[in-house]
Amino acid sequence: NSGFQAGLTVSNWMPDIILLDMLMPEMDGFEVCRQLKSDEKAKDIPIIAVTVLKDTKEIKKMVSAGITDYISKPFKSQELIKKIKEHLLIE
């Protein structure tokens, strides 16, 4: 889906956590993250970036956009589950 659709979905259905691809058509994950963090209702939802971006400059850009954490593609499902549990405080 596009970044625009992601913003609409979150505002209509408040998820406990967001997995966000940083490279999407129309609106990238950086802009989606900035918009979500500026939304009073959505600003506290943890956002985990799922990305192929690995450059330190790109990681810093993700953090300044408001990303809570990130996982690099390709990833192992156990790795992703661990991060989700960590941010939802599930043991």
PDB file of N, CA and C in Angstrom:
ATOM      1  N   ASN A   1       0.833  -1.200   0.000  1.00  0.00           N
ATOM      2  CA  ASN A   1       0.000   0.000   0.000  1.00  0.00           C
ATOM      3  C   ASN A   1       0.866   1.248   0.000  1.00  0.00           C
ATOM      4  N   SER A   2       0.255   2.363  -0.277  1.00  0.00           N
ATOM      5  CA  SER A   2       0.992   3.622  -0.296  1.00  0.00           C
ATOM      6  C   SER A   2       1.048   4.233   1.099  1.00  0.00           C
ATOM      7  N   GLY A   3       1.948   5.185   1.260  1.00  0.00           N
ATOM      8  CA  GLY A   3       2.055   5.908   2.516  1.00  0.00           C
ATOM      9  C   GLY A   3       0.780   6.649   2.847  1.00  0.00           C
ATOM     10  N   PHE A   4       0.132   7.187   1.841  1.00  0.00           N
ATOM     11  CA  PHE A   4      -1.121   7.915   2.045  1.00  0.00           C
ATOM     12  C   PHE A   4      -2.171   6.991   2.648  1.00  0.00           C
ATOM     13  N   GLN A   5      -2.297   5.780   2.101  1.00  0.00           N
ATOM     14  CA  GLN A   5      -3.259   4.805   2.615  1.00  0.00           C
ATOM     15  C   GLN A   5      -2.914   4.408   4.047  1.00  0.00           C
ATOM     16  N   ALA A   6      -1.628   4.306   4.360  1.00  0.00           N
ATOM     17  CA  ALA A   6      -1.200   3.940   5.708  1.00  0.00           C
ATOM     18  C   ALA A   6      -1.683   4.965   6.729  1.00  0.00           C
ATOM     19  N   GLY A   7      -1.536   6.237   6.410  1.00  0.00           N
ATOM     20  CA  GLY A   7      -1.994   7.299   7.317  1.00  0.00           C
ATOM     21  C   GLY A   7      -3.487   7.234   7.555  1.00  0.00           C
ATOM     22  N   LEU A   8      -4.247   6.990   6.516  1.00  0.00           N
ATOM     23  CA  LEU A   8      -5.702   6.884   6.653  1.00  0.00           C
ATOM     24  C   LEU A   8      -6.088   5.679   7.499  1.00  0.00           C
ATOM     25  N   THR A   9      -5.429   4.565   7.283  1.00  0.00           N
ATOM     26  CA  THR A   9      -5.726   3.345   8.027  1.00  0.00           C
ATOM     27  C   THR A   9      -5.478   3.542   9.517  1.00  0.00           C
ATOM     28  N   VAL A  10      -4.363   4.146   9.868  1.00  0.00           N
ATOM     29  CA  VAL A  10      -4.031   4.354  11.275  1.00  0.00           C
ATOM     30  C   VAL A  10      -5.050   5.273  11.940  1.00  0.00           C
ATOM     31  N   SER A  11      -5.453   6.326  11.269  1.00  0.00           N
ATOM     32  CA  SER A  11      -6.402   7.251  11.898  1.00  0.00           C
ATOM     33  C   SER A  11      -7.785   6.631  12.080  1.00  0.00           C
ATOM     34  N   ASN A  12      -8.128   5.642  11.255  1.00  0.00           N
ATOM     35  CA  ASN A  12      -9.426   4.980  11.391  1.00  0.00           C
ATOM     36  C   ASN A  12      -9.376   3.788  12.336  1.00  0.00           C
ATOM     37  N   TRP A  13      -8.218   3.173  12.466  1.00  0.00           N
ATOM     38  CA  TRP A  13      -8.061   1.983  13.288  1.00  0.00           C
ATOM     39  C   TRP A  13      -6.752   2.139  14.041  1.00  0.00           C
ATOM     40  N   MET A  14      -6.811   2.403  15.321  1.00  0.00           N
ATOM     41  CA  MET A  14      -5.612   2.699  16.102  1.00  0.00           C
ATOM     42  C   MET A  14      -4.899   1.402  16.513  1.00  0.00           C
ATOM     43  N   PRO A  15      -3.869   1.000  15.759  1.00  0.00           N
ATOM     44  CA  PRO A  15      -3.154  -0.237  16.080  1.00  0.00           C
ATOM     45  C   PRO A  15      -2.247  -0.060  17.306  1.00  0.00           C
ATOM     46  N   ASP A  16      -1.806  -1.166  17.881  1.00  0.00           N
ATOM     47  CA  ASP A  16      -0.893  -1.123  19.024  1.00  0.00           C
ATOM     48  C   ASP A  16       0.544  -0.889  18.585  1.00  0.00           C
ATOM     49  N   ILE A  17       0.845  -1.266  17.338  1.00  0.00           N
ATOM     50  CA  ILE A  17       2.196  -1.104  16.788  1.00  0.00           C
ATOM     51  C   ILE A  17       2.070  -0.990  15.271  1.00  0.00           C
ATOM     52  N   ILE A  18       3.049  -0.327  14.653  1.00  0.00           N
ATOM     53  CA  ILE A  18       3.039  -0.155  13.197  1.00  0.00           C
ATOM     54  C   ILE A  18       4.342  -0.696  12.629  1.00  0.00           C
ATOM     55  N   LEU A  19       4.223  -1.539  11.605  1.00  0.00           N
ATOM     56  CA  LEU A  19       5.378  -1.987  10.831  1.00  0.00           C
ATOM     57  C   LEU A  19       5.344  -1.175   9.544  1.00  0.00           C
ATOM     58  N   LEU A  20       6.379  -0.421   9.293  1.00  0.00           N
ATOM     59  CA  LEU A  20       6.367   0.542   8.198  1.00  0.00           C
ATOM     60  C   LEU A  20       7.534   0.337   7.247  1.00  0.00           C
ATOM     61  N   ASP A  21       7.223   0.064   5.992  1.00  0.00           N
ATOM     62  CA  ASP A  21       8.263  -0.017   4.965  1.00  0.00           C
ATOM     63  C   ASP A  21       8.687   1.417   4.650  1.00  0.00           C
ATOM     64  N   MET A  22       9.954   1.659   4.564  1.00  0.00           N
ATOM     65  CA  MET A  22      10.432   3.025   4.327  1.00  0.00           C
ATOM     66  C   MET A  22      10.388   3.412   2.857  1.00  0.00           C
ATOM     67  N   LEU A  23      10.363   2.436   1.964  1.00  0.00           N
ATOM     68  CA  LEU A  23      10.360   2.726   0.533  1.00  0.00           C
ATOM     69  C   LEU A  23       9.024   2.296  -0.058  1.00  0.00           C
ATOM     70  N   MET A  24       8.123   3.261  -0.232  1.00  0.00           N
ATOM     71  CA  MET A  24       6.785   2.995  -0.761  1.00  0.00           C
ATOM     72  C   MET A  24       6.493   3.979  -1.890  1.00  0.00           C
ATOM     73  N   PRO A  25       5.522   3.646  -2.731  1.00  0.00           N
ATOM     74  CA  PRO A  25       5.143   4.575  -3.796  1.00  0.00           C
ATOM     75  C   PRO A  25       4.412   5.795  -3.225  1.00  0.00           C
ATOM     76  N   GLU A  26       4.435   6.865  -3.944  1.00  0.00           N
ATOM     77  CA  GLU A  26       3.717   8.110  -3.626  1.00  0.00           C
ATOM     78  C   GLU A  26       4.278   8.856  -2.425  1.00  0.00           C
ATOM     79  N   MET A  27       4.332   8.227  -1.263  1.00  0.00           N
ATOM     80  CA  MET A  27       4.819   8.888  -0.052  1.00  0.00           C
ATOM     81  C   MET A  27       5.730   7.903   0.668  1.00  0.00           C
ATOM     82  N   ASP A  28       6.986   8.300   0.947  1.00  0.00           N
ATOM     83  CA  ASP A  28       7.897   7.348   1.592  1.00  0.00           C
ATOM     84  C   ASP A  28       7.603   7.209   3.088  1.00  0.00           C
ATOM     85  N   GLY A  29       8.223   6.210   3.690  1.00  0.00           N
ATOM     86  CA  GLY A  29       8.016   5.922   5.105  1.00  0.00           C
ATOM     87  C   GLY A  29       8.449   7.054   6.019  1.00  0.00           C
ATOM     88  N   PHE A  30       9.433   7.835   5.596  1.00  0.00           N
ATOM     89  CA  PHE A  30       9.881   8.965   6.408  1.00  0.00           C
ATOM     90  C   PHE A  30       8.740   9.965   6.597  1.00  0.00           C
ATOM     91  N   GLU A  31       8.071  10.295   5.508  1.00  0.00           N
ATOM     92  CA  GLU A  31       6.963  11.254   5.569  1.00  0.00           C
ATOM     93  C   GLU A  31       5.777  10.670   6.336  1.00  0.00           C
ATOM     94  N   VAL A  32       5.479   9.392   6.113  1.00  0.00           N
ATOM     95  CA  VAL A  32       4.389   8.740   6.845  1.00  0.00           C
ATOM     96  C   VAL A  32       4.669   8.810   8.342  1.00  0.00           C
ATOM     97  N   CYS A  33       5.888   8.490   8.736  1.00  0.00           N
ATOM     98  CA  CYS A  33       6.269   8.510  10.142  1.00  0.00           C
ATOM     99  C   CYS A  33       6.128   9.919  10.729  1.00  0.00           C
ATOM    100  N   ARG A  34       6.619  10.920  10.010  1.00  0.00           N
ATOM    101  CA  ARG A  34       6.497  12.306  10.498  1.00  0.00           C
ATOM    102  C   ARG A  34       5.038  12.686  10.692  1.00  0.00           C
ATOM    103  N   GLN A  35       4.186  12.297   9.756  1.00  0.00           N
ATOM    104  CA  GLN A  35       2.759  12.618   9.871  1.00  0.00           C
ATOM    105  C   GLN A  35       2.129  11.900  11.057  1.00  0.00           C
ATOM    106  N   LEU A  36       2.461  10.631  11.242  1.00  0.00           N
ATOM    107  CA  LEU A  36       1.898   9.885  12.365  1.00  0.00           C
ATOM    108  C   LEU A  36       2.354  10.465  13.698  1.00  0.00           C
ATOM    109  N   LYS A  37       3.601  10.852  13.786  1.00  0.00           N
ATOM    110  CA  LYS A  37       4.128  11.413  15.038  1.00  0.00           C
ATOM    111  C   LYS A  37       3.569  12.807  15.324  1.00  0.00           C
ATOM    112  N   SER A  38       3.066  13.487  14.300  1.00  0.00           N
ATOM    113  CA  SER A  38       2.463  14.805  14.530  1.00  0.00           C
ATOM    114  C   SER A  38       0.966  14.698  14.839  1.00  0.00           C
ATOM    115  N   ASP A  39       0.404  13.492  14.710  1.00  0.00           N
ATOM    116  CA  ASP A  39      -1.008  13.247  15.004  1.00  0.00           C
ATOM    117  C   ASP A  39      -1.144  12.948  16.497  1.00  0.00           C
ATOM    118  N   GLU A  40      -1.900  13.756  17.199  1.00  0.00           N
ATOM    119  CA  GLU A  40      -2.053  13.618  18.650  1.00  0.00           C
ATOM    120  C   GLU A  40      -2.505  12.209  19.056  1.00  0.00           C
ATOM    121  N   LYS A  41      -3.400  11.599  18.278  1.00  0.00           N
ATOM    122  CA  LYS A  41      -3.903  10.266  18.621  1.00  0.00           C
ATOM    123  C   LYS A  41      -2.887   9.166  18.328  1.00  0.00           C
ATOM    124  N   ALA A  42      -2.073   9.338  17.313  1.00  0.00           N
ATOM    125  CA  ALA A  42      -1.174   8.267  16.867  1.00  0.00           C
ATOM    126  C   ALA A  42       0.270   8.428  17.334  1.00  0.00           C
ATOM    127  N   LYS A  43       0.613   9.550  17.915  1.00  0.00           N
ATOM    128  CA  LYS A  43       2.023   9.864  18.192  1.00  0.00           C
ATOM    129  C   LYS A  43       2.739   8.877  19.117  1.00  0.00           C
ATOM    130  N   ASP A  44       1.996   8.176  19.977  1.00  0.00           N
ATOM    131  CA  ASP A  44       2.640   7.259  20.912  1.00  0.00           C
ATOM    132  C   ASP A  44       2.677   5.809  20.432  1.00  0.00           C
ATOM    133  N   ILE A  45       2.172   5.548  19.245  1.00  0.00           N
ATOM    134  CA  ILE A  45       2.203   4.189  18.701  1.00  0.00           C
ATOM    135  C   ILE A  45       3.632   3.876  18.254  1.00  0.00           C
ATOM    136  N   PRO A  46       4.227   2.787  18.758  1.00  0.00           N
ATOM    137  CA  PRO A  46       5.575   2.428  18.309  1.00  0.00           C
ATOM    138  C   PRO A  46       5.578   2.092  16.809  1.00  0.00           C
ATOM    139  N   ILE A  47       6.599   2.583  16.119  1.00  0.00           N
ATOM    140  CA  ILE A  47       6.736   2.324  14.686  1.00  0.00           C
ATOM    141  C   ILE A  47       8.060   1.609  14.446  1.00  0.00           C
ATOM    142  N   ILE A  48       7.966   0.410  13.881  1.00  0.00           N
ATOM    143  CA  ILE A  48       9.161  -0.348  13.515  1.00  0.00           C
ATOM    144  C   ILE A  48       9.316  -0.266  11.998  1.00  0.00           C
ATOM    145  N   ALA A  49      10.422   0.303  11.574  1.00  0.00           N
ATOM    146  CA  ALA A  49      10.720   0.388  10.144  1.00  0.00           C
ATOM    147  C   ALA A  49      11.216  -0.973   9.661  1.00  0.00           C
ATOM    148  N   VAL A  50      10.661  -1.423   8.555  1.00  0.00           N
ATOM    149  CA  VAL A  50      11.104  -2.645   7.897  1.00  0.00           C
ATOM    150  C   VAL A  50      11.745  -2.161   6.598  1.00  0.00           C
ATOM    151  N   THR A  51      13.062  -2.328   6.478  1.00  0.00           N
ATOM    152  CA  THR A  51      13.744  -1.615   5.404  1.00  0.00           C
ATOM    153  C   THR A  51      14.979  -2.324   4.858  1.00  0.00           C
ATOM    154  N   VAL A  52      15.317  -1.977   3.638  1.00  0.00           N
ATOM    155  CA  VAL A  52      16.580  -2.417   3.044  1.00  0.00           C
ATOM    156  C   VAL A  52      17.663  -1.369   3.304  1.00  0.00           C
ATOM    157  N   LEU A  53      17.278  -0.208   3.809  1.00  0.00           N
ATOM    158  CA  LEU A  53      18.227   0.872   4.075  1.00  0.00           C
ATOM    159  C   LEU A  53      19.125   0.490   5.250  1.00  0.00           C
ATOM    160  N   LYS A  54      20.437   0.590   5.044  1.00  0.00           N
ATOM    161  CA  LYS A  54      21.377   0.194   6.100  1.00  0.00           C
ATOM    162  C   LYS A  54      22.425   1.261   6.377  1.00  0.00           C
ATOM    163  N   ASP A  55      22.484   2.273   5.543  1.00  0.00           N
ATOM    164  CA  ASP A  55      23.452   3.345   5.670  1.00  0.00           C
ATOM    165  C   ASP A  55      23.186   4.117   6.965  1.00  0.00           C
ATOM    166  N   THR A  56      24.241   4.470   7.684  1.00  0.00           N
ATOM    167  CA  THR A  56      24.117   5.203   8.940  1.00  0.00           C
ATOM    168  C   THR A  56      23.331   6.496   8.752  1.00  0.00           C
ATOM    169  N   LYS A  57      23.549   7.166   7.646  1.00  0.00           N
ATOM    170  CA  LYS A  57      22.824   8.413   7.355  1.00  0.00           C
ATOM    171  C   LYS A  57      21.318   8.151   7.257  1.00  0.00           C
ATOM    172  N   GLU A  58      20.938   7.059   6.600  1.00  0.00           N
ATOM    173  CA  GLU A  58      19.522   6.700   6.462  1.00  0.00           C
ATOM    174  C   GLU A  58      18.918   6.300   7.806  1.00  0.00           C
ATOM    175  N   ILE A  59      19.676   5.592   8.617  1.00  0.00           N
ATOM    176  CA  ILE A  59      19.193   5.194   9.946  1.00  0.00           C
ATOM    177  C   ILE A  59      18.960   6.434  10.801  1.00  0.00           C
ATOM    178  N   LYS A  60      19.882   7.392  10.751  1.00  0.00           N
ATOM    179  CA  LYS A  60      19.705   8.650  11.498  1.00  0.00           C
ATOM    180  C   LYS A  60      18.470   9.391  10.996  1.00  0.00           C
ATOM    181  N   LYS A  61      18.243   9.356   9.691  1.00  0.00           N
ATOM    182  CA  LYS A  61      17.066  10.003   9.107  1.00  0.00           C
ATOM    183  C   LYS A  61      15.782   9.328   9.626  1.00  0.00           C
ATOM    184  N   MET A  62      15.797   7.993   9.744  1.00  0.00           N
ATOM    185  CA  MET A  62      14.635   7.266  10.277  1.00  0.00           C
ATOM    186  C   MET A  62      14.369   7.687  11.724  1.00  0.00           C
ATOM    187  N   VAL A  63      15.424   7.744  12.517  1.00  0.00           N
ATOM    188  CA  VAL A  63      15.287   8.121  13.925  1.00  0.00           C
ATOM    189  C   VAL A  63      14.747   9.540  14.046  1.00  0.00           C
ATOM    190  N   SER A  64      15.255  10.467  13.243  1.00  0.00           N
ATOM    191  CA  SER A  64      14.741  11.840  13.335  1.00  0.00           C
ATOM    192  C   SER A  64      13.323  11.966  12.819  1.00  0.00           C
ATOM    193  N   ALA A  65      12.872  11.031  11.993  1.00  0.00           N
ATOM    194  CA  ALA A  65      11.476  11.048  11.531  1.00  0.00           C
ATOM    195  C   ALA A  65      10.540  10.516  12.618  1.00  0.00           C
ATOM    196  N   GLY A  66      11.101   9.789  13.612  1.00  0.00           N
ATOM    197  CA  GLY A  66      10.286   9.294  14.714  1.00  0.00           C
ATOM    198  C   GLY A  66      10.167   7.787  14.819  1.00  0.00           C
ATOM    199  N   ILE A  67      10.955   7.060  14.022  1.00  0.00           N
ATOM    200  CA  ILE A  67      10.922   5.597  14.081  1.00  0.00           C
ATOM    201  C   ILE A  67      11.348   5.136  15.473  1.00  0.00           C
ATOM    202  N   THR A  68      10.629   4.176  16.028  1.00  0.00           N
ATOM    203  CA  THR A  68      10.946   3.631  17.345  1.00  0.00           C
ATOM    204  C   THR A  68      12.097   2.639  17.251  1.00  0.00           C
ATOM    205  N   ASP A  69      12.100   1.843  16.175  1.00  0.00           N
ATOM    206  CA  ASP A  69      13.098   0.798  15.982  1.00  0.00           C
ATOM    207  C   ASP A  69      13.091   0.435  14.501  1.00  0.00           C
ATOM    208  N   TYR A  70      14.029  -0.395  14.079  1.00  0.00           N
ATOM    209  CA  TYR A  70      14.011  -0.840  12.684  1.00  0.00           C
ATOM    210  C   TYR A  70      14.532  -2.259  12.590  1.00  0.00           C
ATOM    211  N   ILE A  71      14.172  -2.899  11.507  1.00  0.00           N
ATOM    212  CA  ILE A  71      14.663  -4.234  11.202  1.00  0.00           C
ATOM    213  C   ILE A  71      15.025  -4.245   9.716  1.00  0.00           C
ATOM    214  N   SER A  72      16.172  -4.823   9.409  1.00  0.00           N
ATOM    215  CA  SER A  72      16.644  -4.846   8.021  1.00  0.00           C
ATOM    216  C   SER A  72      16.077  -6.035   7.265  1.00  0.00           C
ATOM    217  N   LYS A  73      15.747  -5.781   5.996  1.00  0.00           N
ATOM    218  CA  LYS A  73      15.323  -6.856   5.097  1.00  0.00           C
ATOM    219  C   LYS A  73      16.563  -7.483   4.492  1.00  0.00           C
ATOM    220  N   PRO A  74      16.581  -8.750   4.239  1.00  0.00           N
ATOM    221  CA  PRO A  74      15.601  -9.746   4.678  1.00  0.00           C
ATOM    222  C   PRO A  74      15.779  -9.990   6.168  1.00  0.00           C
ATOM    223  N   PHE A  75      14.728 -10.408   6.825  1.00  0.00           N
ATOM    224  CA  PHE A  75      14.784 -10.650   8.260  1.00  0.00           C
ATOM    225  C   PHE A  75      14.168 -12.012   8.570  1.00  0.00           C
ATOM    226  N   LYS A  76      14.497 -12.512   9.750  1.00  0.00           N
ATOM    227  CA  LYS A  76      13.914 -13.768  10.223  1.00  0.00           C
ATOM    228  C   LYS A  76      12.681 -13.415  11.047  1.00  0.00           C
ATOM    229  N   SER A  77      11.635 -14.205  10.903  1.00  0.00           N
ATOM    230  CA  SER A  77      10.385 -13.906  11.606  1.00  0.00           C
ATOM    231  C   SER A  77      10.591 -13.840  13.122  1.00  0.00           C
ATOM    232  N   GLN A  78      11.469 -14.680  13.667  1.00  0.00           N
ATOM    233  CA  GLN A  78      11.719 -14.654  15.110  1.00  0.00           C
ATOM    234  C   GLN A  78      12.281 -13.310  15.549  1.00  0.00           C
ATOM    235  N   GLU A  79      13.104 -12.742  14.702  1.00  0.00           N
ATOM    236  CA  GLU A  79      13.707 -11.437  14.969  1.00  0.00           C
ATOM    237  C   GLU A  79      12.617 -10.352  15.044  1.00  0.00           C
ATOM    238  N   LEU A  80      11.711 -10.384  14.097  1.00  0.00           N
ATOM    239  CA  LEU A  80      10.624  -9.415  14.056  1.00  0.00           C
ATOM    240  C   LEU A  80       9.689  -9.604  15.251  1.00  0.00           C
ATOM    241  N   ILE A  81       9.355 -10.836  15.551  1.00  0.00           N
ATOM    242  CA  ILE A  81       8.475 -11.121  16.693  1.00  0.00           C
ATOM    243  C   ILE A  81       9.107 -10.614  17.991  1.00  0.00           C
ATOM    244  N   LYS A  82      10.412 -10.804  18.137  1.00  0.00           N
ATOM    245  CA  LYS A  82      11.117 -10.325  19.329  1.00  0.00           C
ATOM    246  C   LYS A  82      10.996  -8.806  19.461  1.00  0.00           C
ATOM    247  N   LYS A  83      11.189  -8.091  18.364  1.00  0.00           N
ATOM    248  CA  LYS A  83      11.080  -6.623  18.401  1.00  0.00           C
ATOM    249  C   LYS A  83       9.655  -6.180  18.712  1.00  0.00           C
ATOM    250  N   ILE A  84       8.680  -6.846  18.139  1.00  0.00           N
ATOM    251  CA  ILE A  84       7.285  -6.491  18.403  1.00  0.00           C
ATOM    252  C   ILE A  84       6.960  -6.693  19.870  1.00  0.00           C
ATOM    253  N   LYS A  85       7.339  -7.843  20.418  1.00  0.00           N
ATOM    254  CA  LYS A  85       7.099  -8.122  21.841  1.00  0.00           C
ATOM    255  C   LYS A  85       7.789  -7.096  22.726  1.00  0.00           C
ATOM    256  N   GLU A  86       8.987  -6.752  22.356  1.00  0.00           N
ATOM    257  CA  GLU A  86       9.779  -5.781  23.114  1.00  0.00           C
ATOM    258  C   GLU A  86       9.049  -4.435  23.209  1.00  0.00           C
ATOM    259  N   HIS A  87       8.502  -3.985  22.104  1.00  0.00           N
ATOM    260  CA  HIS A  87       7.860  -2.674  22.075  1.00  0.00           C
ATOM    261  C   HIS A  87       6.425  -2.692  22.589  1.00  0.00           C
ATOM    262  N   LEU A  88       5.844  -3.867  22.662  1.00  0.00           N
ATOM    263  CA  LEU A  88       4.501  -3.989  23.242  1.00  0.00           C
ATOM    264  C   LEU A  88       4.591  -4.453  24.700  1.00  0.00           C
ATOM    265  N   LEU A  89       5.828  -4.609  25.163  1.00  0.00           N
ATOM    266  CA  LEU A  89       6.090  -5.046  26.531  1.00  0.00           C
ATOM    267  C   LEU A  89       5.442  -6.389  26.842  1.00  0.00           C
ATOM    268  N   ILE A  90       5.549  -7.317  25.885  1.00  0.00           N
ATOM    269  CA  ILE A  90       5.035  -8.670  26.042  1.00  0.00           C
ATOM    270  C   ILE A  90       6.206  -9.593  26.340  1.00  0.00           C
ATOM    271  N   GLU A  91       6.031 -10.464  27.300  1.00  0.00           N
ATOM    272  CA  GLU A  91       7.121 -11.404  27.623  1.00  0.00           C
ATOM    273  C   GLU A  91       6.844 -12.768  27.097  1.00  0.00           C
TER     274      GLU A  91
END
